[in-house]
Amino acid sequence: MFYVFNVVLPVFALILIGYICGRTGKLGESASIELNRFVVWLALPAQLFNFASSSSWQTLWQLGFITAFFTSGLVAFVLVFGMSWSRGRDVAAASFSGLSASYSNTGYMGIPLCVLALGQDGLAPAIISTFIVFVLFALATVLIEVGILSHKKPHEIVWSVIKSLCSNPLLIAPVAGLLWSSTNLVLYDPLAQVIAFLAAAATPCALVSIGLFLMRKENSASRQVWVISFAKLIIQPAVAWFIAGPLLGLPTLWVSAAVILAALPTGTGPFMLAQYYNADGRIISRTVLITTLGSLLTLSLFLWWNSGV
């Protein structure tokens, strides 16, 4: 539990810093808006490009693990999407909820946790899982666009979705990174350093921004947040274990990695996507906080159980 706590603590600390700065007036509402813009248009795309450009297609192709992890995320996404849509008939809002229930914090928490728990062999599944959450991210983006443009004709919706996907920096960056990786070329050093500087700012800025959003009270959102959090911390890892273990019979390392990565809390990606579309991020920000806190217990219990197996 101690090393889980060590990985989770910085997440809480940065959210708390944002909350305190907002409460004391050190960072106002305009600062929150500009901070989000910086993350969405510069820092997070740089981080995604950096990550994708340092990976190879050969490392990523592990079909059994991909099936288990992707299916677990898709199940959580569909369940929460369906429940949310049935309540409000709002495809875009339901998409944000579904993504919050399936988008694991693989980059910031998944990589260090897998390496600590499984050794260096745990790095490969952590990297693969990061690209899988990009697919869920893209799926949610398509549904959000469809929801926003539902009043238009089918061919207009398709064209608008394509244009949006091709101009969304959060989707362009990882694709560009993978394409660059396939060329085997080396980035010009000063340019690589600029990208690295921006990438390093993505996670802390996103978490501070979440802290600022937590000041906004939303009592009606509490039940929905708990449903999303349950799907993220319980349903998704349970499905991942069932598919990876009993169903596919994957090696122990890959089963453990699938469960650890599926049991991670919600990352900042859904929150940043909400900011990109000027949507309400209060439910998502609370989900990030609750799942991060809850994962301290659920991940510790799994790692304790796994160590005895």
C-alpha atoms as a PDB file:
ATOM      1  CA  MET A   1       0.000   0.000   0.000  1.00  0.00           C
ATOM      2  CA  PHE A   2       2.892   2.327   0.745  1.00  0.00           C
ATOM      3  CA  TYR A   3       4.133   2.576  -2.844  1.00  0.00           C
ATOM      4  CA  VAL A   4       0.575   3.030  -4.121  1.00  0.00           C
ATOM      5  CA  PHE A   5       0.267   5.913  -1.671  1.00  0.00           C
ATOM      6  CA  ASN A   6       3.552   7.387  -2.916  1.00  0.00           C
ATOM      7  CA  VAL A   7       2.259   7.429  -6.513  1.00  0.00           C
ATOM      8  CA  VAL A   8      -1.204   8.772  -5.608  1.00  0.00           C
ATOM      9  CA  LEU A   9      -0.053  11.473  -3.139  1.00  0.00           C
ATOM     10  CA  PRO A  10       1.306  13.914  -5.769  1.00  0.00           C
ATOM     11  CA  VAL A  11      -2.072  13.771  -7.570  1.00  0.00           C
ATOM     12  CA  PHE A  12      -3.880  14.845  -4.395  1.00  0.00           C
ATOM     13  CA  ALA A  13      -1.252  17.474  -3.624  1.00  0.00           C
ATOM     14  CA  LEU A  14      -1.597  19.206  -7.007  1.00  0.00           C
ATOM     15  CA  ILE A  15      -5.407  19.125  -6.886  1.00  0.00           C
ATOM     16  CA  LEU A  16      -5.242  20.593  -3.361  1.00  0.00           C
ATOM     17  CA  ILE A  17      -2.858  23.331  -4.515  1.00  0.00           C
ATOM     18  CA  GLY A  18      -5.319  24.339  -7.237  1.00  0.00           C
ATOM     19  CA  TYR A  19      -8.215  24.296  -4.768  1.00  0.00           C
ATOM     20  CA  ILE A  20      -6.366  26.446  -2.203  1.00  0.00           C
ATOM     21  CA  CYS A  21      -5.198  28.912  -4.848  1.00  0.00           C
ATOM     22  CA  GLY A  22      -8.787  29.255  -6.050  1.00  0.00           C
ATOM     23  CA  ARG A  23     -10.250  29.654  -2.563  1.00  0.00           C
ATOM     24  CA  THR A  24      -7.690  32.288  -1.584  1.00  0.00           C
ATOM     25  CA  GLY A  25      -8.026  34.209  -4.841  1.00  0.00           C
ATOM     26  CA  LYS A  26      -4.439  33.592  -5.952  1.00  0.00           C
ATOM     27  CA  LEU A  27      -5.821  32.073  -9.140  1.00  0.00           C
ATOM     28  CA  GLY A  28      -9.138  33.406 -10.395  1.00  0.00           C
ATOM     29  CA  GLU A  29     -11.674  32.123 -12.914  1.00  0.00           C
ATOM     30  CA  SER A  30      -9.822  33.663 -15.849  1.00  0.00           C
ATOM     31  CA  ALA A  31      -6.622  31.900 -14.755  1.00  0.00           C
ATOM     32  CA  SER A  32      -8.476  28.583 -14.818  1.00  0.00           C
ATOM     33  CA  ILE A  33      -9.716  29.216 -18.358  1.00  0.00           C
ATOM     34  CA  GLU A  34      -6.275  30.170 -19.664  1.00  0.00           C
ATOM     35  CA  LEU A  35      -4.614  27.272 -17.836  1.00  0.00           C
ATOM     36  CA  ASN A  36      -7.016  24.870 -19.541  1.00  0.00           C
ATOM     37  CA  ARG A  37      -6.297  26.385 -22.933  1.00  0.00           C
ATOM     38  CA  PHE A  38      -2.566  26.002 -22.346  1.00  0.00           C
ATOM     39  CA  VAL A  39      -2.994  22.315 -21.455  1.00  0.00           C
ATOM     40  CA  VAL A  40      -5.386  21.501 -24.320  1.00  0.00           C
ATOM     41  CA  TRP A  41      -3.495  23.285 -27.090  1.00  0.00           C
ATOM     42  CA  LEU A  42       0.156  23.006 -26.026  1.00  0.00           C
ATOM     43  CA  ALA A  43       1.120  20.906 -23.005  1.00  0.00           C
ATOM     44  CA  LEU A  44      -1.030  17.788 -23.404  1.00  0.00           C
ATOM     45  CA  PRO A  45      -0.493  17.450 -27.179  1.00  0.00           C
ATOM     46  CA  ALA A  46       3.264  17.695 -26.538  1.00  0.00           C
ATOM     47  CA  GLN A  47       3.026  14.972 -23.893  1.00  0.00           C
ATOM     48  CA  LEU A  48       0.981  12.709 -26.183  1.00  0.00           C
ATOM     49  CA  PHE A  49       3.371  13.247 -29.098  1.00  0.00           C
ATOM     50  CA  ASN A  50       6.390  12.554 -26.886  1.00  0.00           C
ATOM     51  CA  PHE A  51       4.897   9.341 -25.602  1.00  0.00           C
ATOM     52  CA  ALA A  52       3.763   8.052 -28.990  1.00  0.00           C
ATOM     53  CA  SER A  53       6.994   8.954 -30.794  1.00  0.00           C
ATOM     54  CA  SER A  54       9.065   6.880 -28.336  1.00  0.00           C
ATOM     55  CA  SER A  55       7.007   3.717 -28.897  1.00  0.00           C
ATOM     56  CA  SER A  56       7.208   1.100 -31.629  1.00  0.00           C
ATOM     57  CA  TRP A  57       4.423  -0.861 -33.322  1.00  0.00           C
ATOM     58  CA  GLN A  58       6.140  -4.144 -32.412  1.00  0.00           C
ATOM     59  CA  THR A  59       6.028  -3.315 -28.696  1.00  0.00           C
ATOM     60  CA  LEU A  60       2.342  -2.460 -28.869  1.00  0.00           C
ATOM     61  CA  TRP A  61       0.994  -5.585 -30.601  1.00  0.00           C
ATOM     62  CA  GLN A  62      -0.102  -7.921 -27.771  1.00  0.00           C
ATOM     63  CA  LEU A  63      -3.514  -9.085 -28.968  1.00  0.00           C
ATOM     64  CA  GLY A  64      -4.671 -10.897 -25.817  1.00  0.00           C
ATOM     65  CA  PHE A  65      -3.851  -8.007 -23.517  1.00  0.00           C
ATOM     66  CA  ILE A  66      -5.314  -5.468 -25.953  1.00  0.00           C
ATOM     67  CA  THR A  67      -8.553  -7.474 -26.095  1.00  0.00           C
ATOM     68  CA  ALA A  68      -8.842  -7.715 -22.303  1.00  0.00           C
ATOM     69  CA  PHE A  69      -8.015  -4.101 -21.501  1.00  0.00           C
ATOM     70  CA  PHE A  70      -9.946  -2.526 -24.369  1.00  0.00           C
ATOM     71  CA  THR A  71     -13.054  -4.658 -23.743  1.00  0.00           C
ATOM     72  CA  SER A  72     -13.035  -3.802 -20.031  1.00  0.00           C
ATOM     73  CA  GLY A  73     -12.907  -0.085 -20.857  1.00  0.00           C
ATOM     74  CA  LEU A  74     -15.570  -0.441 -23.528  1.00  0.00           C
ATOM     75  CA  VAL A  75     -17.909  -2.256 -21.128  1.00  0.00           C
ATOM     76  CA  ALA A  76     -17.543   0.493 -18.513  1.00  0.00           C
ATOM     77  CA  PHE A  77     -18.007   3.143 -21.209  1.00  0.00           C
ATOM     78  CA  VAL A  78     -21.162   1.570 -22.653  1.00  0.00           C
ATOM     79  CA  LEU A  79     -22.763   0.895 -19.257  1.00  0.00           C
ATOM     80  CA  VAL A  80     -22.300   4.435 -17.969  1.00  0.00           C
ATOM     81  CA  PHE A  81     -23.080   5.982 -21.361  1.00  0.00           C
ATOM     82  CA  GLY A  82     -26.363   4.061 -21.495  1.00  0.00           C
ATOM     83  CA  MET A  83     -27.382   5.018 -17.955  1.00  0.00           C
ATOM     84  CA  SER A  84     -26.509   8.673 -18.494  1.00  0.00           C
ATOM     85  CA  TRP A  85     -28.250   8.872 -21.871  1.00  0.00           C
ATOM     86  CA  SER A  86     -31.426   7.241 -20.539  1.00  0.00           C
ATOM     87  CA  ARG A  87     -31.671   9.968 -17.900  1.00  0.00           C
ATOM     88  CA  GLY A  88     -31.037  13.061 -20.001  1.00  0.00           C
ATOM     89  CA  ARG A  89     -31.135  11.956 -23.660  1.00  0.00           C
ATOM     90  CA  ASP A  90     -27.964  13.995 -24.145  1.00  0.00           C
ATOM     91  CA  VAL A  91     -25.396  12.096 -26.241  1.00  0.00           C
ATOM     92  CA  ALA A  92     -22.566  14.551 -25.573  1.00  0.00           C
ATOM     93  CA  ALA A  93     -23.051  14.574 -21.774  1.00  0.00           C
ATOM     94  CA  ALA A  94     -23.412  10.773 -21.747  1.00  0.00           C
ATOM     95  CA  SER A  95     -20.154  10.503 -23.728  1.00  0.00           C
ATOM     96  CA  PHE A  96     -18.261  12.556 -21.145  1.00  0.00           C
ATOM     97  CA  SER A  97     -19.635  10.294 -18.393  1.00  0.00           C
ATOM     98  CA  GLY A  98     -18.773   7.124 -20.314  1.00  0.00           C
ATOM     99  CA  LEU A  99     -15.234   8.330 -20.948  1.00  0.00           C
ATOM    100  CA  SER A 100     -14.818   9.236 -17.271  1.00  0.00           C
ATOM    101  CA  ALA A 101     -15.749   5.655 -16.362  1.00  0.00           C
ATOM    102  CA  SER A 102     -13.242   4.086 -18.755  1.00  0.00           C
ATOM    103  CA  TYR A 103     -10.284   6.477 -19.134  1.00  0.00           C
ATOM    104  CA  SER A 104      -7.541   5.119 -16.866  1.00  0.00           C
ATOM    105  CA  ASN A 105      -4.728   7.383 -15.660  1.00  0.00           C
ATOM    106  CA  THR A 106      -2.212   5.140 -17.444  1.00  0.00           C
ATOM    107  CA  GLY A 107       0.452   7.727 -18.248  1.00  0.00           C
ATOM    108  CA  TYR A 108       0.924   9.383 -14.868  1.00  0.00           C
ATOM    109  CA  MET A 109       0.064   6.487 -12.519  1.00  0.00           C
ATOM    110  CA  GLY A 110      -0.017   3.332 -14.636  1.00  0.00           C
ATOM    111  CA  ILE A 111       3.607   3.309 -15.742  1.00  0.00           C
ATOM    112  CA  PRO A 112       5.225   3.803 -12.303  1.00  0.00           C
ATOM    113  CA  LEU A 113       2.769   1.413 -10.605  1.00  0.00           C
ATOM    114  CA  CYS A 114       3.281  -1.379 -13.146  1.00  0.00           C
ATOM    115  CA  VAL A 115       7.064  -1.050 -12.945  1.00  0.00           C
ATOM    116  CA  LEU A 116       6.966  -1.045  -9.130  1.00  0.00           C
ATOM    117  CA  ALA A 117       4.593  -4.005  -8.914  1.00  0.00           C
ATOM    118  CA  LEU A 118       5.748  -6.109 -11.876  1.00  0.00           C
ATOM    119  CA  GLY A 119       9.299  -4.948 -12.580  1.00  0.00           C
ATOM    120  CA  GLN A 120      10.557  -3.669 -15.932  1.00  0.00           C
ATOM    121  CA  ASP A 121       8.361  -6.225 -17.705  1.00  0.00           C
ATOM    122  CA  GLY A 122       5.379  -4.176 -16.530  1.00  0.00           C
ATOM    123  CA  LEU A 123       6.426  -1.256 -18.742  1.00  0.00           C
ATOM    124  CA  ALA A 124       5.151  -2.813 -22.004  1.00  0.00           C
ATOM    125  CA  PRO A 125       1.502  -3.320 -20.909  1.00  0.00           C
ATOM    126  CA  ALA A 126       1.470   0.173 -19.384  1.00  0.00           C
ATOM    127  CA  ILE A 127       2.564   1.665 -22.708  1.00  0.00           C
ATOM    128  CA  ILE A 128       0.022  -0.398 -24.648  1.00  0.00           C
ATOM    129  CA  SER A 129      -2.801   0.644 -22.309  1.00  0.00           C
ATOM    130  CA  THR A 130      -2.004   4.304 -22.890  1.00  0.00           C
ATOM    131  CA  PHE A 131      -2.678   3.908 -26.591  1.00  0.00           C
ATOM    132  CA  ILE A 132      -5.871   1.965 -25.910  1.00  0.00           C
ATOM    133  CA  VAL A 133      -7.282   4.854 -23.857  1.00  0.00           C
ATOM    134  CA  PHE A 134      -6.561   7.068 -26.885  1.00  0.00           C
ATOM    135  CA  VAL A 135      -9.003   4.858 -28.845  1.00  0.00           C
ATOM    136  CA  LEU A 136     -11.685   5.321 -26.166  1.00  0.00           C
ATOM    137  CA  PHE A 137     -10.903   9.043 -26.239  1.00  0.00           C
ATOM    138  CA  ALA A 138     -11.454   9.120 -30.010  1.00  0.00           C
ATOM    139  CA  LEU A 139     -14.712   7.154 -29.671  1.00  0.00           C
ATOM    140  CA  ALA A 140     -16.024   9.633 -27.104  1.00  0.00           C
ATOM    141  CA  THR A 141     -14.989  12.543 -29.343  1.00  0.00           C
ATOM    142  CA  VAL A 142     -16.985  11.127 -32.264  1.00  0.00           C
ATOM    143  CA  LEU A 143     -20.078  10.635 -30.089  1.00  0.00           C
ATOM    144  CA  ILE A 144     -19.751  14.135 -28.630  1.00  0.00           C
ATOM    145  CA  GLU A 145     -19.602  15.595 -32.119  1.00  0.00           C
ATOM    146  CA  VAL A 146     -22.649  13.556 -33.174  1.00  0.00           C
ATOM    147  CA  GLY A 147     -24.528  14.766 -30.099  1.00  0.00           C
ATOM    148  CA  ILE A 148     -23.640  18.403 -30.687  1.00  0.00           C
ATOM    149  CA  LEU A 149     -24.580  18.216 -34.381  1.00  0.00           C
ATOM    150  CA  SER A 150     -27.689  16.036 -34.023  1.00  0.00           C
ATOM    151  CA  HIS A 151     -29.878  18.717 -35.632  1.00  0.00           C
ATOM    152  CA  LYS A 152     -27.956  18.500 -38.930  1.00  0.00           C
ATOM    153  CA  LYS A 153     -28.341  16.108 -41.868  1.00  0.00           C
ATOM    154  CA  PRO A 154     -26.351  12.807 -41.765  1.00  0.00           C
ATOM    155  CA  HIS A 155     -23.788  13.817 -44.411  1.00  0.00           C
ATOM    156  CA  GLU A 156     -23.246  17.168 -42.661  1.00  0.00           C
ATOM    157  CA  ILE A 157     -22.654  15.351 -39.364  1.00  0.00           C
ATOM    158  CA  VAL A 158     -20.113  13.000 -40.955  1.00  0.00           C
ATOM    159  CA  TRP A 159     -18.225  15.866 -42.579  1.00  0.00           C
ATOM    160  CA  SER A 160     -18.242  17.929 -39.371  1.00  0.00           C
ATOM    161  CA  VAL A 161     -17.014  14.952 -37.305  1.00  0.00           C
ATOM    162  CA  ILE A 162     -14.149  14.322 -39.729  1.00  0.00           C
ATOM    163  CA  LYS A 163     -13.139  17.994 -39.658  1.00  0.00           C
ATOM    164  CA  SER A 164     -13.296  18.061 -35.866  1.00  0.00           C
ATOM    165  CA  LEU A 165     -11.202  14.910 -35.471  1.00  0.00           C
ATOM    166  CA  CYS A 166      -8.613  16.241 -37.893  1.00  0.00           C
ATOM    167  CA  SER A 167      -8.331  19.528 -35.988  1.00  0.00           C
ATOM    168  CA  ASN A 168      -8.425  18.197 -32.413  1.00  0.00           C
ATOM    169  CA  PRO A 169      -4.883  18.535 -30.978  1.00  0.00           C
ATOM    170  CA  LEU A 170      -5.535  15.782 -28.436  1.00  0.00           C
ATOM    171  CA  LEU A 171      -6.065  13.282 -31.258  1.00  0.00           C
ATOM    172  CA  ILE A 172      -3.616  14.667 -33.818  1.00  0.00           C
ATOM    173  CA  ALA A 173      -0.648  14.568 -31.413  1.00  0.00           C
ATOM    174  CA  PRO A 174      -0.511  10.795 -30.672  1.00  0.00           C
ATOM    175  CA  VAL A 175      -1.155   9.923 -34.336  1.00  0.00           C
ATOM    176  CA  ALA A 176       1.663  12.280 -35.395  1.00  0.00           C
ATOM    177  CA  GLY A 177       3.897  10.712 -32.747  1.00  0.00           C
ATOM    178  CA  LEU A 178       3.253   7.185 -34.028  1.00  0.00           C
ATOM    179  CA  LEU A 179       3.894   8.285 -37.609  1.00  0.00           C
ATOM    180  CA  TRP A 180       7.146   9.941 -36.565  1.00  0.00           C
ATOM    181  CA  SER A 181       8.161   6.807 -34.657  1.00  0.00           C
ATOM    182  CA  SER A 182       7.683   4.696 -37.790  1.00  0.00           C
ATOM    183  CA  THR A 183      10.224   6.828 -39.706  1.00  0.00           C
ATOM    184  CA  ASN A 184      13.054   5.987 -37.246  1.00  0.00           C
ATOM    185  CA  LEU A 185      14.232   9.577 -37.537  1.00  0.00           C
ATOM    186  CA  VAL A 186      15.582  11.567 -34.578  1.00  0.00           C
ATOM    187  CA  LEU A 187      14.009  14.899 -33.663  1.00  0.00           C
ATOM    188  CA  TYR A 188      16.206  17.989 -33.888  1.00  0.00           C
ATOM    189  CA  ASP A 189      17.551  18.385 -30.336  1.00  0.00           C
ATOM    190  CA  PRO A 190      16.319  21.921 -29.529  1.00  0.00           C
ATOM    191  CA  LEU A 191      12.857  21.047 -30.892  1.00  0.00           C
ATOM    192  CA  ALA A 192      12.764  17.856 -28.805  1.00  0.00           C
ATOM    193  CA  GLN A 193      13.665  19.932 -25.740  1.00  0.00           C
ATOM    194  CA  VAL A 194      10.821  22.390 -26.379  1.00  0.00           C
ATOM    195  CA  ILE A 195       8.361  19.511 -26.688  1.00  0.00           C
ATOM    196  CA  ALA A 196       9.753  17.949 -23.494  1.00  0.00           C
ATOM    197  CA  PHE A 197       9.341  21.230 -21.580  1.00  0.00           C
ATOM    198  CA  LEU A 198       5.713  21.541 -22.682  1.00  0.00           C
ATOM    199  CA  ALA A 199       5.008  17.858 -21.991  1.00  0.00           C
ATOM    200  CA  ALA A 200       6.318  18.157 -18.436  1.00  0.00           C
ATOM    201  CA  ALA A 201       3.758  20.892 -17.714  1.00  0.00           C
ATOM    202  CA  ALA A 202       0.707  18.893 -18.853  1.00  0.00           C
ATOM    203  CA  THR A 203      -0.055  16.782 -15.776  1.00  0.00           C
ATOM    204  CA  PRO A 204       0.571  19.382 -13.040  1.00  0.00           C
ATOM    205  CA  CYS A 205      -1.365  22.087 -14.887  1.00  0.00           C
ATOM    206  CA  ALA A 206      -4.306  19.748 -15.554  1.00  0.00           C
ATOM    207  CA  LEU A 207      -4.479  18.683 -11.895  1.00  0.00           C
ATOM    208  CA  VAL A 208      -4.241  22.254 -10.606  1.00  0.00           C
ATOM    209  CA  SER A 209      -7.057  23.145 -12.990  1.00  0.00           C
ATOM    210  CA  ILE A 210      -9.181  20.318 -11.556  1.00  0.00           C
ATOM    211  CA  GLY A 211      -8.573  21.723  -8.086  1.00  0.00           C
ATOM    212  CA  LEU A 212      -9.924  25.080  -9.245  1.00  0.00           C
ATOM    213  CA  PHE A 213     -13.066  23.399 -10.599  1.00  0.00           C
ATOM    214  CA  LEU A 214     -13.703  21.563  -7.343  1.00  0.00           C
ATOM    215  CA  MET A 215     -14.660  24.878  -5.730  1.00  0.00           C
ATOM    216  CA  ARG A 216     -17.873  24.900  -7.736  1.00  0.00           C
ATOM    217  CA  LYS A 217     -20.571  23.065  -5.793  1.00  0.00           C
ATOM    218  CA  GLU A 218     -22.880  20.672  -7.627  1.00  0.00           C
ATOM    219  CA  ASN A 219     -25.085  18.678  -5.252  1.00  0.00           C
ATOM    220  CA  SER A 220     -27.133  17.042  -8.007  1.00  0.00           C
ATOM    221  CA  ALA A 221     -23.991  15.522  -9.483  1.00  0.00           C
ATOM    222  CA  SER A 222     -23.095  13.430  -6.428  1.00  0.00           C
ATOM    223  CA  ARG A 223     -25.076  10.263  -7.332  1.00  0.00           C
ATOM    224  CA  GLN A 224     -23.821  10.238 -10.903  1.00  0.00           C
ATOM    225  CA  VAL A 225     -20.241  10.672  -9.724  1.00  0.00           C
ATOM    226  CA  TRP A 226     -20.539   7.627  -7.455  1.00  0.00           C
ATOM    227  CA  VAL A 227     -21.993   5.515 -10.287  1.00  0.00           C
ATOM    228  CA  ILE A 228     -19.144   6.513 -12.619  1.00  0.00           C
ATOM    229  CA  SER A 229     -16.567   5.858  -9.894  1.00  0.00           C
ATOM    230  CA  PHE A 230     -18.000   2.388  -9.171  1.00  0.00           C
ATOM    231  CA  ALA A 231     -17.829   1.480 -12.855  1.00  0.00           C
ATOM    232  CA  LYS A 232     -14.244   2.729 -13.059  1.00  0.00           C
ATOM    233  CA  LEU A 233     -12.815   1.122  -9.909  1.00  0.00           C
ATOM    234  CA  ILE A 234     -14.868  -2.096  -9.666  1.00  0.00           C
ATOM    235  CA  ILE A 235     -16.557  -3.072 -12.930  1.00  0.00           C
ATOM    236  CA  GLN A 236     -13.701  -2.273 -15.321  1.00  0.00           C
ATOM    237  CA  PRO A 237     -10.968  -4.214 -13.425  1.00  0.00           C
ATOM    238  CA  ALA A 238     -13.366  -7.134 -12.804  1.00  0.00           C
ATOM    239  CA  VAL A 239     -14.073  -7.436 -16.542  1.00  0.00           C
ATOM    240  CA  ALA A 240     -10.350  -7.097 -17.335  1.00  0.00           C
ATOM    241  CA  TRP A 241      -9.515  -9.930 -14.913  1.00  0.00           C
ATOM    242  CA  PHE A 242     -12.229 -12.219 -16.277  1.00  0.00           C
ATOM    243  CA  ILE A 243     -11.184 -11.765 -19.909  1.00  0.00           C
ATOM    244  CA  ALA A 244      -7.415 -11.846 -19.327  1.00  0.00           C
ATOM    245  CA  GLY A 245      -7.483 -14.750 -16.842  1.00  0.00           C
ATOM    246  CA  PRO A 246     -10.357 -17.264 -17.033  1.00  0.00           C
ATOM    247  CA  LEU A 247     -11.363 -16.458 -20.628  1.00  0.00           C
ATOM    248  CA  LEU A 248      -8.034 -16.010 -22.478  1.00  0.00           C
ATOM    249  CA  GLY A 249      -5.628 -17.624 -20.003  1.00  0.00           C
ATOM    250  CA  LEU A 250      -2.931 -14.983 -20.436  1.00  0.00           C
ATOM    251  CA  PRO A 251       0.361 -15.271 -18.491  1.00  0.00           C
ATOM    252  CA  THR A 252       0.205 -14.017 -14.894  1.00  0.00           C
ATOM    253  CA  LEU A 253       2.180 -10.856 -15.701  1.00  0.00           C
ATOM    254  CA  TRP A 254      -0.325  -9.751 -18.331  1.00  0.00           C
ATOM    255  CA  VAL A 255      -3.346 -10.631 -16.192  1.00  0.00           C
ATOM    256  CA  SER A 256      -1.942  -8.613 -13.287  1.00  0.00           C
ATOM    257  CA  ALA A 257      -1.098  -5.696 -15.572  1.00  0.00           C
ATOM    258  CA  ALA A 258      -4.587  -5.716 -17.125  1.00  0.00           C
ATOM    259  CA  VAL A 259      -6.235  -5.536 -13.690  1.00  0.00           C
ATOM    260  CA  ILE A 260      -3.854  -2.888 -12.306  1.00  0.00           C
ATOM    261  CA  LEU A 261      -4.291  -0.653 -15.347  1.00  0.00           C
ATOM    262  CA  ALA A 262      -8.072  -1.117 -15.478  1.00  0.00           C
ATOM    263  CA  ALA A 263      -8.313  -0.335 -11.743  1.00  0.00           C
ATOM    264  CA  LEU A 264      -6.497   2.993 -12.095  1.00  0.00           C
ATOM    265  CA  PRO A 265      -8.459   6.175 -11.330  1.00  0.00           C
ATOM    266  CA  THR A 266      -9.855   8.427 -14.047  1.00  0.00           C
ATOM    267  CA  GLY A 267      -7.162  10.480 -15.754  1.00  0.00           C
ATOM    268  CA  THR A 268      -7.362  14.133 -16.713  1.00  0.00           C
ATOM    269  CA  GLY A 269      -8.141  13.410 -20.389  1.00  0.00           C
ATOM    270  CA  PRO A 270     -11.968  13.575 -20.072  1.00  0.00           C
ATOM    271  CA  PHE A 271     -11.697  16.819 -18.123  1.00  0.00           C
ATOM    272  CA  MET A 272      -9.474  18.366 -20.791  1.00  0.00           C
ATOM    273  CA  LEU A 273     -11.870  17.184 -23.509  1.00  0.00           C
ATOM    274  CA  ALA A 274     -14.745  18.852 -21.657  1.00  0.00           C
ATOM    275  CA  GLN A 275     -12.744  22.077 -21.585  1.00  0.00           C
ATOM    276  CA  TYR A 276     -12.031  21.764 -25.305  1.00  0.00           C
ATOM    277  CA  TYR A 277     -15.789  21.640 -25.973  1.00  0.00           C
ATOM    278  CA  ASN A 278     -16.617  24.264 -23.300  1.00  0.00           C
ATOM    279  CA  ALA A 279     -18.677  21.644 -21.454  1.00  0.00           C
ATOM    280  CA  ASP A 280     -19.334  21.483 -17.711  1.00  0.00           C
ATOM    281  CA  GLY A 281     -16.364  19.773 -16.074  1.00  0.00           C
ATOM    282  CA  ARG A 282     -17.660  19.585 -12.495  1.00  0.00           C
ATOM    283  CA  ILE A 283     -18.826  15.965 -12.592  1.00  0.00           C
ATOM    284  CA  ILE A 284     -15.575  14.886 -14.236  1.00  0.00           C
ATOM    285  CA  SER A 285     -13.386  16.802 -11.772  1.00  0.00           C
ATOM    286  CA  ARG A 286     -15.166  15.149  -8.842  1.00  0.00           C
ATOM    287  CA  THR A 287     -14.844  11.757 -10.502  1.00  0.00           C
ATOM    288  CA  VAL A 288     -11.086  12.252 -10.835  1.00  0.00           C
ATOM    289  CA  LEU A 289     -10.843  13.115  -7.148  1.00  0.00           C
ATOM    290  CA  ILE A 290     -13.079  10.280  -5.868  1.00  0.00           C
ATOM    291  CA  THR A 291     -11.541   7.577  -8.072  1.00  0.00           C
ATOM    292  CA  THR A 292      -8.037   8.709  -7.159  1.00  0.00           C
ATOM    293  CA  LEU A 293      -8.906   8.454  -3.474  1.00  0.00           C
ATOM    294  CA  GLY A 294     -10.767   5.145  -3.936  1.00  0.00           C
ATOM    295  CA  SER A 295      -7.948   3.602  -5.972  1.00  0.00           C
ATOM    296  CA  LEU A 296      -5.640   3.937  -2.986  1.00  0.00           C
ATOM    297  CA  LEU A 297      -7.732   1.198  -1.343  1.00  0.00           C
ATOM    298  CA  THR A 298      -8.744  -0.920  -4.354  1.00  0.00           C
ATOM    299  CA  LEU A 299      -5.279  -1.025  -5.924  1.00  0.00           C
ATOM    300  CA  SER A 300      -3.627  -1.770  -2.589  1.00  0.00           C
ATOM    301  CA  LEU A 301      -6.030  -4.660  -1.956  1.00  0.00           C
ATOM    302  CA  PHE A 302      -5.395  -6.118  -5.410  1.00  0.00           C
ATOM    303  CA  LEU A 303      -1.608  -5.792  -5.121  1.00  0.00           C
ATOM    304  CA  TRP A 304      -1.718  -7.414  -1.679  1.00  0.00           C
ATOM    305  CA  TRP A 305      -3.870 -10.271  -3.016  1.00  0.00           C
ATOM    306  CA  ASN A 306      -1.691 -10.628  -6.134  1.00  0.00           C
ATOM    307  CA  SER A 307       1.499 -10.871  -4.074  1.00  0.00           C
ATOM    308  CA  GLY A 308       0.067 -13.897  -2.282  1.00  0.00           C
ATOM    309  CA  VAL A 309      -1.043 -15.703  -5.420  1.00  0.00           C
END
